[in-house]
Amino acid sequence: MNRFKHLQLQKLDQHMAEIRVCERPSDGWIRATRKALGMSVHQLAIRMGMTQQAASQLEANELDDSVTIKTLRKAAEALGCKFVYAIVPLDGS
């Protein structure tokens, strides 16, 4: 293995050490977070600048994996959260 690849793997390992991986809640991150905050779908829709129907569809899209990263980021901001995205190796690097 060349030195550059080794350094890349070390850097990836450092990032992975900081990530705590957990499963998505059965009703999705957006809905679970919204409910925990006591926020209605209507309130989320207002914060995101969309209709209540669109916000409900967003929650459904998350569950069927058809939501975009851009929309997840926007939803996180509307919920007062930070969006985090990661691809985590199954068996380490």
C-alpha atoms as a PDB file:
ATOM      1  CA  MET A   1       0.000   0.000   0.000  1.00  0.00           C
ATOM      2  CA  ASN A   2       1.466   3.361  -0.930  1.00  0.00           C
ATOM      3  CA  ARG A   3       1.946   6.103   1.640  1.00  0.00           C
ATOM      4  CA  PHE A   4      -0.792   8.354   0.246  1.00  0.00           C
ATOM      5  CA  LYS A   5      -3.417   5.590   0.428  1.00  0.00           C
ATOM      6  CA  HIS A   6      -2.298   4.752   3.951  1.00  0.00           C
ATOM      7  CA  LEU A   7      -2.708   8.394   4.998  1.00  0.00           C
ATOM      8  CA  GLN A   8      -6.178   8.480   3.434  1.00  0.00           C
ATOM      9  CA  LEU A   9      -7.198   5.382   5.396  1.00  0.00           C
ATOM     10  CA  GLN A  10      -5.850   6.893   8.625  1.00  0.00           C
ATOM     11  CA  LYS A  11      -7.865  10.058   8.022  1.00  0.00           C
ATOM     12  CA  LEU A  12     -11.007   8.013   7.325  1.00  0.00           C
ATOM     13  CA  ASP A  13     -10.455   6.004  10.516  1.00  0.00           C
ATOM     14  CA  GLN A  14     -10.182   9.262  12.493  1.00  0.00           C
ATOM     15  CA  HIS A  15     -13.507  10.463  11.078  1.00  0.00           C
ATOM     16  CA  MET A  16     -15.170   7.102  11.714  1.00  0.00           C
ATOM     17  CA  ALA A  17     -14.065   7.159  15.346  1.00  0.00           C
ATOM     18  CA  GLU A  18     -16.151  10.306  15.833  1.00  0.00           C
ATOM     19  CA  ILE A  19     -19.361   8.834  14.379  1.00  0.00           C
ATOM     20  CA  ARG A  20     -21.945   7.097  16.512  1.00  0.00           C
ATOM     21  CA  VAL A  21     -24.109   5.036  14.192  1.00  0.00           C
ATOM     22  CA  CYS A  22     -27.709   4.206  15.016  1.00  0.00           C
ATOM     23  CA  GLU A  23     -30.701   2.964  13.073  1.00  0.00           C
ATOM     24  CA  ARG A  24     -33.294   5.326  11.631  1.00  0.00           C
ATOM     25  CA  PRO A  25     -36.433   5.492  13.806  1.00  0.00           C
ATOM     26  CA  SER A  26     -39.341   3.478  12.365  1.00  0.00           C
ATOM     27  CA  ASP A  27     -41.253   6.668  11.555  1.00  0.00           C
ATOM     28  CA  GLY A  28     -38.159   8.455  10.180  1.00  0.00           C
ATOM     29  CA  TRP A  29     -35.785  11.079  11.566  1.00  0.00           C
ATOM     30  CA  ILE A  30     -37.861  14.052  10.451  1.00  0.00           C
ATOM     31  CA  ARG A  31     -41.148  12.877  11.976  1.00  0.00           C
ATOM     32  CA  ALA A  32     -39.487  11.531  15.139  1.00  0.00           C
ATOM     33  CA  THR A  33     -37.608  14.795  15.715  1.00  0.00           C
ATOM     34  CA  ARG A  34     -40.643  16.930  14.893  1.00  0.00           C
ATOM     35  CA  LYS A  35     -42.805  14.987  17.355  1.00  0.00           C
ATOM     36  CA  ALA A  36     -40.123  15.114  20.064  1.00  0.00           C
ATOM     37  CA  LEU A  37     -40.066  18.892  19.672  1.00  0.00           C
ATOM     38  CA  GLY A  38     -43.864  19.044  19.945  1.00  0.00           C
ATOM     39  CA  MET A  39     -44.054  20.519  16.457  1.00  0.00           C
ATOM     40  CA  SER A  40     -46.971  19.895  14.113  1.00  0.00           C
ATOM     41  CA  VAL A  41     -46.596  19.080  10.426  1.00  0.00           C
ATOM     42  CA  HIS A  42     -48.156  22.490   9.752  1.00  0.00           C
ATOM     43  CA  GLN A  43     -45.471  24.246  11.819  1.00  0.00           C
ATOM     44  CA  LEU A  44     -42.714  22.328  10.030  1.00  0.00           C
ATOM     45  CA  ALA A  45     -44.251  23.267   6.677  1.00  0.00           C
ATOM     46  CA  ILE A  46     -44.281  26.955   7.608  1.00  0.00           C
ATOM     47  CA  ARG A  47     -40.636  26.811   8.707  1.00  0.00           C
ATOM     48  CA  MET A  48     -39.680  25.112   5.448  1.00  0.00           C
ATOM     49  CA  GLY A  49     -41.773  27.406   3.266  1.00  0.00           C
ATOM     50  CA  MET A  50     -43.982  24.650   1.889  1.00  0.00           C
ATOM     51  CA  THR A  51     -47.533  23.385   2.190  1.00  0.00           C
ATOM     52  CA  GLN A  52     -48.597  21.025   4.945  1.00  0.00           C
ATOM     53  CA  GLN A  53     -49.232  18.373   2.286  1.00  0.00           C
ATOM     54  CA  ALA A  54     -45.669  18.789   0.975  1.00  0.00           C
ATOM     55  CA  ALA A  55     -44.255  18.447   4.504  1.00  0.00           C
ATOM     56  CA  SER A  56     -46.260  15.247   5.027  1.00  0.00           C
ATOM     57  CA  GLN A  57     -44.959  13.945   1.695  1.00  0.00           C
ATOM     58  CA  LEU A  58     -41.411  14.824   2.777  1.00  0.00           C
ATOM     59  CA  GLU A  59     -41.781  12.577   5.820  1.00  0.00           C
ATOM     60  CA  ALA A  60     -43.105   9.774   3.585  1.00  0.00           C
ATOM     61  CA  ASN A  61     -40.256  10.311   1.106  1.00  0.00           C
ATOM     62  CA  GLU A  62     -37.719   9.874   3.881  1.00  0.00           C
ATOM     63  CA  LEU A  63     -39.204   6.488   4.724  1.00  0.00           C
ATOM     64  CA  ASP A  64     -39.038   5.231   1.136  1.00  0.00           C
ATOM     65  CA  ASP A  65     -35.515   6.669   0.643  1.00  0.00           C
ATOM     66  CA  SER A  66     -36.556   9.098  -2.095  1.00  0.00           C
ATOM     67  CA  VAL A  67     -35.772  12.312  -0.203  1.00  0.00           C
ATOM     68  CA  THR A  68     -32.772  14.369  -1.344  1.00  0.00           C
ATOM     69  CA  ILE A  69     -29.828  15.386   0.797  1.00  0.00           C
ATOM     70  CA  LYS A  70     -30.681  19.021   0.070  1.00  0.00           C
ATOM     71  CA  THR A  71     -34.196  18.534   1.452  1.00  0.00           C
ATOM     72  CA  LEU A  72     -32.928  16.651   4.511  1.00  0.00           C
ATOM     73  CA  ARG A  73     -30.557  19.538   5.218  1.00  0.00           C
ATOM     74  CA  LYS A  74     -33.412  22.043   4.890  1.00  0.00           C
ATOM     75  CA  ALA A  75     -35.631  19.955   7.191  1.00  0.00           C
ATOM     76  CA  ALA A  76     -32.861  19.698   9.784  1.00  0.00           C
ATOM     77  CA  GLU A  77     -32.461  23.488   9.766  1.00  0.00           C
ATOM     78  CA  ALA A  78     -36.234  23.943  10.151  1.00  0.00           C
ATOM     79  CA  LEU A  79     -36.121  21.586  13.138  1.00  0.00           C
ATOM     80  CA  GLY A  80     -33.219  23.472  14.700  1.00  0.00           C
ATOM     81  CA  CYS A  81     -30.884  20.546  14.058  1.00  0.00           C
ATOM     82  CA  LYS A  82     -27.617  19.877  12.293  1.00  0.00           C
ATOM     83  CA  PHE A  83     -27.726  17.548   9.292  1.00  0.00           C
ATOM     84  CA  VAL A  84     -25.017  14.864   9.341  1.00  0.00           C
ATOM     85  CA  TYR A  85     -24.269  12.590   6.391  1.00  0.00           C
ATOM     86  CA  ALA A  86     -21.881   9.658   6.430  1.00  0.00           C
ATOM     87  CA  ILE A  87     -21.038   6.439   4.652  1.00  0.00           C
ATOM     88  CA  VAL A  88     -19.740   4.014   7.237  1.00  0.00           C
ATOM     89  CA  PRO A  89     -17.730   0.909   6.276  1.00  0.00           C
ATOM     90  CA  LEU A  90     -19.357  -2.294   7.559  1.00  0.00           C
ATOM     91  CA  ASP A  91     -16.089  -3.905   8.649  1.00  0.00           C
ATOM     92  CA  GLY A  92     -13.900  -0.891   9.344  1.00  0.00           C
ATOM     93  CA  SER A  93     -11.618   0.592   6.734  1.00  0.00           C
END
